[in-house]
């Protein structure tokens, strides 16, 4: 059946259909890939979690890591308790 279809379609049409599909796919906007957290961000999350559980040493560590993250240009967000860092560090 495929041969019959290919024989009936013009060569111009056989090229135009895949070309149009590839063009449409190239203009589709794909989301950015997820960014891995830095060691400081991961450490801050762990220390923050343990600080909420009442560990005073982890609260001190979280505060020290907060200073490091601010120095790297990261911004703390109160809503959700998280850091947003730019791609370049």
Protein backbone atom coordinates (compact mmCIF):
# COMPACT_ATOMS: atom_id res chain seq x y z
CA UNK A 1 0.00 0.00 0.00
CA UNK A 2 2.87 2.37 0.77
CA UNK A 3 4.31 1.88 -2.70
CA UNK A 4 0.99 2.68 -4.30
CA UNK A 5 0.70 5.87 -2.25
CA UNK A 6 4.24 6.92 -3.12
CA UNK A 7 3.64 6.22 -6.79
CA UNK A 8 0.50 8.35 -6.82
CA UNK A 9 2.00 11.35 -4.99
CA UNK A 10 4.13 13.82 -6.86
CA UNK A 11 7.80 14.16 -5.85
CA UNK A 12 7.19 17.79 -4.92
CA UNK A 13 4.49 16.75 -2.46
CA UNK A 14 6.69 14.00 -0.99
CA UNK A 15 9.27 16.65 -0.10
CA UNK A 16 6.85 19.39 0.95
CA UNK A 17 5.02 17.41 3.65
CA UNK A 18 8.08 16.42 5.76
CA UNK A 19 9.58 19.87 5.23
CA UNK A 20 6.44 21.55 6.57
CA UNK A 21 6.36 19.21 9.55
CA UNK A 22 10.01 19.90 10.38
CA UNK A 23 9.45 23.64 10.10
CA UNK A 24 6.47 23.48 12.44
CA UNK A 25 8.44 21.47 14.98
CA UNK A 26 11.37 23.87 14.85
CA UNK A 27 9.12 26.80 15.81
CA UNK A 28 7.51 24.95 18.71
CA UNK A 29 8.70 26.43 21.97
CA UNK A 30 10.24 23.88 24.27
CA UNK A 31 10.65 24.56 28.00
CA UNK A 32 14.12 25.11 29.38
CA UNK A 33 15.67 22.05 30.95
CA UNK A 34 15.67 21.86 34.73
CA UNK A 35 18.70 23.40 36.38
CA UNK A 36 20.61 21.41 38.97
CA UNK A 37 20.95 22.97 42.41
CA UNK A 38 24.39 24.03 43.60
CA UNK A 39 25.96 22.46 46.65
CA UNK A 40 25.19 25.61 48.63
CA UNK A 41 21.51 25.52 47.64
CA UNK A 42 21.23 21.85 48.53
CA UNK A 43 23.00 22.41 51.83
CA UNK A 44 20.74 25.34 52.62
CA UNK A 45 17.64 23.21 51.99
CA UNK A 46 18.86 20.42 54.27
CA UNK A 47 19.93 22.85 57.00
CA UNK A 48 16.64 24.75 56.71
CA UNK A 49 14.64 21.54 57.10
CA UNK A 50 16.61 20.49 60.17
CA UNK A 51 16.38 24.02 61.58
CA UNK A 52 12.59 23.84 61.36
CA UNK A 53 12.85 20.61 63.37
CA UNK A 54 14.62 22.56 66.15
CA UNK A 55 18.35 21.92 65.55
CA UNK A 56 20.14 25.17 66.52
CA UNK A 57 23.44 24.19 64.82
CA UNK A 58 21.62 23.69 61.55
CA UNK A 59 20.04 27.15 61.92
CA UNK A 60 23.53 28.65 62.20
CA UNK A 61 24.69 26.69 59.15
CA UNK A 62 21.62 27.83 57.21
CA UNK A 63 22.39 31.46 58.08
CA UNK A 64 26.02 31.09 56.94
CA UNK A 65 24.89 29.50 53.69
CA UNK A 66 22.37 32.32 53.21
CA UNK A 67 25.26 34.79 53.26
CA UNK A 68 27.14 32.74 50.67
CA UNK A 69 24.07 32.54 48.43
CA UNK A 70 23.49 36.31 48.66
CA UNK A 71 27.14 36.90 47.75
CA UNK A 72 26.64 34.73 44.64
CA UNK A 73 23.72 36.92 43.58
CA UNK A 74 20.91 34.61 44.66
CA UNK A 75 17.58 36.03 45.81
CA UNK A 76 15.58 34.56 48.69
CA UNK A 77 11.83 34.13 48.25
CA UNK A 78 9.68 34.16 51.38
CA UNK A 79 6.76 32.55 49.59
CA UNK A 80 7.80 28.94 49.63
CA UNK A 81 11.10 29.43 51.49
CA UNK A 82 13.51 28.99 48.54
CA UNK A 83 16.41 30.63 46.68
CA UNK A 84 16.55 31.72 43.05
CA UNK A 85 20.04 31.90 41.62
CA UNK A 86 21.10 33.09 38.19
CA UNK A 87 22.76 30.64 35.83
CA UNK A 88 26.26 32.18 36.14
CA UNK A 89 28.09 31.68 39.41
